[in-house]
Amino acid sequence: MSIDFDSLRKILVTQGRLRAAINYGNPVLAQRGPGGEPRGVSVALANELADRMGVELETVPFEAAGKVVDSAADGIWDVGFLAIDPKRAEEVSFTSPYVLIEGTYLVRTDSPFNEVGQLDAPGVRIAVGKGAAYDLYLSRALKHAELVRGPTSASAIELFLEDGLDAAAGVRQPLEAAAIARPGLRVLPGHFTAIRQSMVVPVQKSAALTMLQAYVEAMKASGFVAQALRESGQDENLAAPAEPQ
């Protein structure tokens, strides 16, 4: 599908700028550079989209995905980057995924748990970032374990350590970084879900979704997503495969 970026600009852009919600709570997708500048695959996708529409990019920073969703009706951003989840569909509309990320658990080295499935047991307490994709997923999937929510995904690790919880749930890469930085921790093999990261628009701007979907697919097919991941220090294999158009 060819993309009419002039038409897309008329739907998305506010006051001559594309306002992109950037969630720093997921360091696989977005990071702050040495000078605090936004970088990462989500920032690269937003920048490229703004360039193709011939407008400036304004990044709107958030520290947690749930806060992006909560602000969707406030008119403060035009496009965003969130994991696909049915609960969020009331507030935002999703493209197909551009990145696939594993959700797993961080535990102590001496933990009796060695497999992801073992955590769903009575008395088990798991730290999670409130409103994160894995919070939403685990809230539906867990039958016995208790979720203990911190304000952000990063704070969930501290909550796990400080409150003596059994595990912290999150994205594999940040959990592995925490295990390397702090002796006595390990990340379980396998995953409880594969998190599909998507571009989104507020439901009020859903008229843009078909064209935005075509944009995401073009960026995957061209290798742009894989390159942006690689340039921001992430695994290029996290790029979702292009879907037939």
Protein backbone atom coordinates (compact mmCIF):
# COMPACT_ATOMS: atom_id res chain seq x y z
CA MET A 1 0.00 0.00 0.00
CA SER A 2 1.31 3.44 -0.92
CA ILE A 3 1.12 5.95 1.92
CA ASP A 4 -0.30 9.43 1.42
CA PHE A 5 1.80 11.30 3.97
CA ASP A 6 -0.05 14.55 3.26
CA SER A 7 -3.33 12.92 4.32
CA LEU A 8 -1.63 11.28 7.28
CA ARG A 9 -0.26 14.63 8.39
CA LYS A 10 -3.75 16.19 8.32
CA ILE A 11 -5.06 13.51 10.69
CA LEU A 12 -2.12 13.23 13.05
CA VAL A 13 -0.26 16.50 13.28
CA THR A 14 -1.07 19.22 15.80
CA GLN A 15 0.24 22.78 15.33
CA GLY A 16 2.89 21.75 12.83
CA ARG A 17 4.55 19.11 15.03
CA LEU A 18 4.20 15.37 15.40
CA ARG A 19 3.97 14.70 19.14
CA ALA A 20 5.26 11.22 19.93
CA ALA A 21 4.70 9.61 23.34
CA ILE A 22 8.00 7.95 24.28
CA ASN A 23 7.96 5.43 27.13
CA TYR A 24 11.35 5.29 28.87
CA GLY A 25 10.03 2.53 31.13
CA ASN A 26 11.04 -0.02 28.48
CA PRO A 27 14.77 0.49 27.73
CA VAL A 28 14.65 -1.93 24.82
CA LEU A 29 12.55 0.63 22.93
CA ALA A 30 13.69 4.00 24.23
CA GLN A 31 16.69 5.34 26.08
CA ARG A 32 18.14 8.70 27.09
CA GLY A 33 21.48 9.44 25.47
CA PRO A 34 24.52 10.92 27.23
CA GLY A 35 23.04 14.41 27.02
CA GLY A 36 19.53 13.27 27.88
CA GLU A 37 18.48 13.18 24.23
CA PRO A 38 15.83 10.60 23.26
CA ARG A 39 17.06 7.59 21.32
CA GLY A 40 16.03 4.03 20.53
CA VAL A 41 13.89 2.24 17.98
CA SER A 42 10.64 3.99 18.94
CA VAL A 43 12.31 7.39 18.66
CA ALA A 44 13.81 6.43 15.29
CA LEU A 45 10.38 5.40 13.97
CA ALA A 46 8.83 8.65 15.19
CA ASN A 47 11.62 10.74 13.67
CA GLU A 48 11.34 9.01 10.31
CA LEU A 49 7.57 9.44 10.26
CA ALA A 50 7.87 13.15 11.05
CA ASP A 51 10.47 13.55 8.28
CA ARG A 52 8.24 11.85 5.73
CA MET A 53 5.32 14.09 6.69
CA GLY A 54 7.58 17.14 6.51
CA VAL A 55 7.06 18.27 10.11
CA GLU A 56 9.07 18.60 13.30
CA LEU A 57 9.07 15.89 15.95
CA GLU A 58 8.23 16.67 19.56
CA THR A 59 8.81 13.84 22.04
CA VAL A 60 6.46 13.61 25.01
CA PRO A 61 8.27 11.60 27.71
CA PHE A 62 6.69 9.01 30.00
CA GLU A 63 8.22 6.69 32.56
CA ALA A 64 5.58 3.95 32.34
CA ALA A 65 3.38 2.49 29.61
CA GLY A 66 0.28 2.74 31.77
CA LYS A 67 0.70 6.49 31.96
CA VAL A 68 0.79 6.71 28.17
CA VAL A 69 -2.53 4.88 28.00
CA ASP A 70 -4.04 6.99 30.78
CA SER A 71 -3.24 10.18 28.86
CA ALA A 72 -4.54 9.00 25.47
CA ALA A 73 -7.74 11.04 25.74
CA ASP A 74 -5.95 14.19 26.93
CA GLY A 75 -4.78 15.32 23.49
CA ILE A 76 -1.13 15.66 24.49
CA TRP A 77 0.36 13.18 21.99
CA ASP A 78 -0.41 12.05 18.42
CA VAL A 79 1.40 8.71 18.12
CA GLY A 80 2.82 6.35 20.69
CA PHE A 81 4.48 2.99 21.20
CA LEU A 82 2.79 0.36 23.37
CA ALA A 83 2.45 -3.37 23.74
CA ILE A 84 -0.72 -4.77 22.22
CA ASP A 85 -3.27 -5.64 24.89
CA PRO A 86 -7.07 -5.88 24.62
CA LYS A 87 -7.61 -3.80 27.76
CA ARG A 88 -5.84 -0.85 26.14
CA ALA A 89 -7.97 -1.01 22.97
CA GLU A 90 -10.59 1.23 24.59
CA GLU A 91 -8.12 4.11 24.56
CA VAL A 92 -5.74 3.44 21.65
CA SER A 93 -5.67 1.73 18.25
CA PHE A 94 -2.76 -0.59 17.39
CA THR A 95 -0.74 -1.32 14.27
CA SER A 96 0.85 -4.72 13.81
CA PRO A 97 3.93 -5.23 16.03
CA TYR A 98 7.31 -3.83 15.07
CA VAL A 99 9.18 -5.56 17.93
CA LEU A 100 8.60 -8.84 19.80
CA ILE A 101 9.89 -8.99 23.39
CA GLU A 102 9.84 -11.82 25.94
CA GLY A 103 8.34 -11.32 29.39
CA THR A 104 9.99 -13.42 32.09
CA TYR A 105 11.00 -13.43 35.78
CA LEU A 106 13.98 -12.26 37.82
CA VAL A 107 14.63 -14.38 40.94
CA ARG A 108 17.38 -14.82 43.51
CA THR A 109 20.13 -17.31 42.77
CA ASP A 110 18.99 -19.55 45.64
CA SER A 111 15.32 -19.40 44.61
CA PRO A 112 13.59 -22.80 44.35
CA PHE A 113 11.99 -21.67 41.07
CA ASN A 114 13.69 -22.81 37.87
CA GLU A 115 10.86 -22.58 35.35
CA VAL A 116 8.41 -19.81 34.54
CA GLY A 117 5.36 -21.98 35.16
CA GLN A 118 6.40 -22.75 38.73
CA LEU A 119 5.72 -19.17 39.88
CA ASP A 120 1.94 -19.47 39.70
CA ALA A 121 1.51 -21.05 43.12
CA PRO A 122 -0.23 -20.08 46.37
CA GLY A 123 1.81 -17.72 48.52
CA VAL A 124 4.08 -16.56 45.69
CA ARG A 125 4.40 -12.76 45.41
CA ILE A 126 5.63 -11.18 42.17
CA ALA A 127 6.67 -7.55 41.66
CA VAL A 128 5.48 -5.86 38.47
CA GLY A 129 5.27 -2.34 37.03
CA LYS A 130 1.72 -1.05 37.29
CA GLY A 131 -0.04 -0.94 33.93
CA ALA A 132 2.86 -2.56 32.04
CA ALA A 133 2.00 -5.11 29.37
CA TYR A 134 3.12 -7.97 31.58
CA ASP A 135 1.04 -6.61 34.49
CA LEU A 136 -2.05 -6.72 32.25
CA TYR A 137 -1.17 -10.18 30.95
CA LEU A 138 -0.32 -11.70 34.34
CA SER A 139 -3.44 -10.19 35.91
CA ARG A 140 -5.43 -12.40 33.56
CA ALA A 141 -3.14 -15.43 33.45
CA LEU A 142 -2.10 -16.04 37.06
CA LYS A 143 -4.50 -18.15 39.10
CA HIS A 144 -2.66 -18.41 42.44
CA ALA A 145 0.33 -16.03 42.68
CA GLU A 146 -0.13 -12.45 43.91
CA LEU A 147 1.05 -9.40 41.94
CA VAL A 148 2.61 -6.54 43.92
CA ARG A 149 2.69 -3.39 41.82
CA GLY A 150 5.33 -0.66 41.72
CA PRO A 151 4.82 2.62 39.85
CA THR A 152 7.21 1.67 37.00
CA SER A 153 8.88 -1.42 35.60
CA ALA A 154 12.26 -0.32 36.95
CA SER A 155 10.82 0.17 40.43
CA ALA A 156 9.45 -3.37 40.36
CA ILE A 157 13.00 -4.71 40.64
CA GLU A 158 13.66 -2.58 43.73
CA LEU A 159 10.31 -3.66 45.18
CA PHE A 160 11.23 -7.31 44.64
CA LEU A 161 14.53 -6.84 46.46
CA GLU A 162 13.43 -4.55 49.28
CA ASP A 163 10.21 -6.38 50.19
CA GLY A 164 11.60 -9.89 49.90
CA LEU A 165 9.23 -10.93 47.11
CA ASP A 166 9.67 -14.13 45.16
CA ALA A 167 10.26 -12.62 41.71
CA ALA A 168 10.08 -9.54 39.53
CA ALA A 169 8.27 -9.79 36.21
CA GLY A 170 9.44 -7.80 33.22
CA VAL A 171 11.16 -7.60 29.85
CA ARG A 172 14.01 -10.08 29.56
CA GLN A 173 16.78 -7.64 28.57
CA PRO A 174 16.45 -5.20 31.53
CA LEU A 175 16.07 -8.13 33.92
CA GLU A 176 19.25 -9.71 32.55
CA ALA A 177 21.06 -6.38 32.97
CA ALA A 178 19.91 -6.26 36.61
CA ALA A 179 21.17 -9.81 37.19
CA ILE A 180 24.58 -8.87 35.79
CA ALA A 181 24.78 -5.70 37.88
CA ARG A 182 23.72 -7.36 41.16
CA PRO A 183 25.28 -10.64 42.28
CA GLY A 184 22.83 -13.15 43.64
CA LEU A 185 20.16 -12.75 40.95
CA ARG A 186 19.26 -14.77 37.86
CA VAL A 187 16.68 -14.67 35.08
CA LEU A 188 14.54 -17.72 34.40
CA PRO A 189 14.72 -19.36 30.96
CA GLY A 190 11.63 -19.31 28.79
CA HIS A 191 8.88 -16.72 28.96
CA PHE A 192 5.30 -16.30 30.14
CA THR A 193 4.35 -14.20 27.14
CA ALA A 194 5.84 -12.71 23.98
CA ILE A 195 5.05 -9.01 24.16
CA ARG A 196 4.09 -7.45 20.82
CA GLN A 197 5.18 -3.81 20.69
CA SER A 198 3.11 -1.66 18.34
CA MET A 199 2.72 1.90 17.15
CA VAL A 200 -0.53 3.39 18.41
CA VAL A 201 -2.80 6.38 17.99
CA PRO A 202 -5.49 7.63 20.37
CA VAL A 203 -8.87 6.25 19.34
CA GLN A 204 -9.87 9.77 18.32
CA LYS A 205 -7.26 9.55 15.53
CA SER A 206 -8.05 6.00 14.38
CA ALA A 207 -8.60 7.29 10.85
CA ALA A 208 -4.80 7.30 10.58
CA LEU A 209 -4.43 3.63 11.49
CA THR A 210 -4.48 2.08 8.00
CA MET A 211 -1.73 4.40 6.76
CA LEU A 212 0.26 4.03 9.97
CA GLN A 213 -0.01 0.26 9.64
CA ALA A 214 1.43 0.50 6.12
CA TYR A 215 4.26 2.68 7.46
CA VAL A 216 5.18 0.14 10.16
CA GLU A 217 5.19 -2.72 7.65
CA ALA A 218 7.39 -0.73 5.27
CA MET A 219 9.86 0.01 8.08
CA LYS A 220 10.08 -3.66 9.00
CA ALA A 221 10.42 -4.87 5.42
CA SER A 222 13.18 -2.35 4.64
CA GLY A 223 15.31 -3.38 7.63
CA PHE A 224 14.85 0.03 9.28
CA VAL A 225 13.53 -1.45 12.55
CA ALA A 226 16.36 -3.98 12.83
CA GLN A 227 18.94 -1.28 12.12
CA ALA A 228 17.43 1.10 14.70
CA LEU A 229 17.55 -1.66 17.31
CA ARG A 230 21.17 -2.42 16.48
CA GLU A 231 22.21 1.25 16.55
CA SER A 232 20.68 1.68 20.01
CA GLY A 233 22.55 -1.31 21.42
CA GLN A 234 19.66 -3.80 21.25
CA ASP A 235 19.32 -7.17 19.55
CA GLU A 236 18.21 -6.65 15.95
CA ASN A 237 16.51 -10.06 16.09
CA LEU A 238 13.81 -8.47 18.25
CA ALA A 239 12.39 -6.89 15.09
CA ALA A 240 9.02 -8.42 14.23
CA PRO A 241 8.77 -10.05 10.81
CA ALA A 242 7.06 -8.10 8.06
CA GLU A 243 3.50 -9.20 7.33
CA PRO A 244 2.09 -9.74 3.80
CA GLN A 245 0.43 -6.63 2.41
